[in-house]
């Protein structure tokens, strides 16, 4: 399991939040571009484990979902 936290370029441009562009961020991704990058690297989408069509995961806390996946790999 790999957890990435990256700036959301779509939000920055949509909200014109250009003050969120920091020199230490060398890459910006939109959700589709990051999904494509991970797919090309052979990393599955979290939706394969927790589909958004499953009502059990509606409004789920991501920390709980992450803890569930970490137990699988422990």
Protein backbone atom coordinates (compact mmCIF):
# COMPACT_ATOMS: atom_id res chain seq x y z
CA UNK A 1 0.00 0.00 0.00
CA UNK A 2 1.29 3.42 -0.93
CA UNK A 3 -0.21 6.69 0.25
CA UNK A 4 0.43 9.82 -1.78
CA UNK A 5 -0.51 13.31 -0.74
CA UNK A 6 -0.14 15.70 -3.64
CA UNK A 7 -1.51 19.14 -4.43
CA UNK A 8 -4.74 19.11 -6.45
CA UNK A 9 -4.10 21.21 -9.55
CA UNK A 10 -7.79 21.22 -10.54
CA UNK A 11 -8.79 22.83 -7.24
CA UNK A 12 -6.01 25.39 -7.44
CA UNK A 13 -7.06 26.50 -10.91
CA UNK A 14 -10.82 26.31 -10.23
CA UNK A 15 -10.53 28.41 -7.06
CA UNK A 16 -7.76 30.60 -8.48
CA UNK A 17 -5.83 29.68 -5.34
CA UNK A 18 -2.46 30.49 -6.82
CA UNK A 19 -1.09 31.27 -3.37
CA UNK A 20 -1.21 27.47 -2.88
CA UNK A 21 1.58 27.05 -5.44
CA UNK A 22 4.68 26.59 -3.35
CA UNK A 23 8.23 26.27 -4.57
CA UNK A 24 8.70 22.97 -2.74
CA UNK A 25 5.97 21.24 -4.76
CA UNK A 26 7.70 20.04 -7.90
CA UNK A 27 4.63 18.28 -9.38
CA UNK A 28 0.93 19.02 -9.55
CA UNK A 29 -1.68 16.48 -10.58
CA UNK A 30 -5.35 16.43 -11.35
CA UNK A 31 -7.26 13.38 -10.07
CA UNK A 32 -7.46 11.86 -13.60
CA UNK A 33 -3.76 12.43 -14.32
CA UNK A 34 -2.70 10.90 -10.98
CA UNK A 35 -5.04 7.94 -11.55
CA UNK A 36 -3.51 7.40 -15.00
CA UNK A 37 0.01 7.65 -13.60
CA UNK A 38 -0.72 5.08 -10.88
CA UNK A 39 -2.44 2.79 -13.38
CA UNK A 40 0.58 2.93 -15.67
CA UNK A 41 2.75 1.96 -12.70
CA UNK A 42 0.51 -1.02 -11.96
CA UNK A 43 -0.98 0.47 -8.78
CA UNK A 44 -4.70 -0.27 -8.43
CA UNK A 45 -7.27 2.37 -7.59
CA UNK A 46 -8.61 2.34 -4.03
CA UNK A 47 -12.05 1.95 -5.60
CA UNK A 48 -11.15 -1.66 -6.29
CA UNK A 49 -11.13 -2.25 -2.53
CA UNK A 50 -13.78 0.28 -1.50
CA UNK A 51 -16.17 0.92 -4.43
CA UNK A 52 -18.09 4.19 -4.24
CA UNK A 53 -21.20 2.31 -5.37
CA UNK A 54 -21.22 0.29 -2.12
CA UNK A 55 -23.42 2.02 0.49
CA UNK A 56 -21.20 0.68 3.30
CA UNK A 57 -18.53 3.17 2.29
CA UNK A 58 -20.74 6.26 1.98
CA UNK A 59 -19.20 9.02 4.12
CA UNK A 60 -16.56 6.58 5.39
CA UNK A 61 -13.58 7.98 7.25
CA UNK A 62 -10.50 7.46 5.07
CA UNK A 63 -8.41 6.70 8.16
CA UNK A 64 -10.64 3.70 8.87
CA UNK A 65 -10.31 2.49 5.29
CA UNK A 66 -6.54 2.90 5.40
CA UNK A 67 -6.34 0.99 8.70
CA UNK A 68 -8.37 -1.82 7.12
CA UNK A 69 -5.93 -2.12 4.20
CA UNK A 70 -2.90 -1.96 6.51
CA UNK A 71 -4.26 -4.92 8.50
CA UNK A 72 -4.39 -6.93 5.26
CA UNK A 73 -0.69 -6.30 4.63
CA UNK A 74 0.44 -6.73 8.25
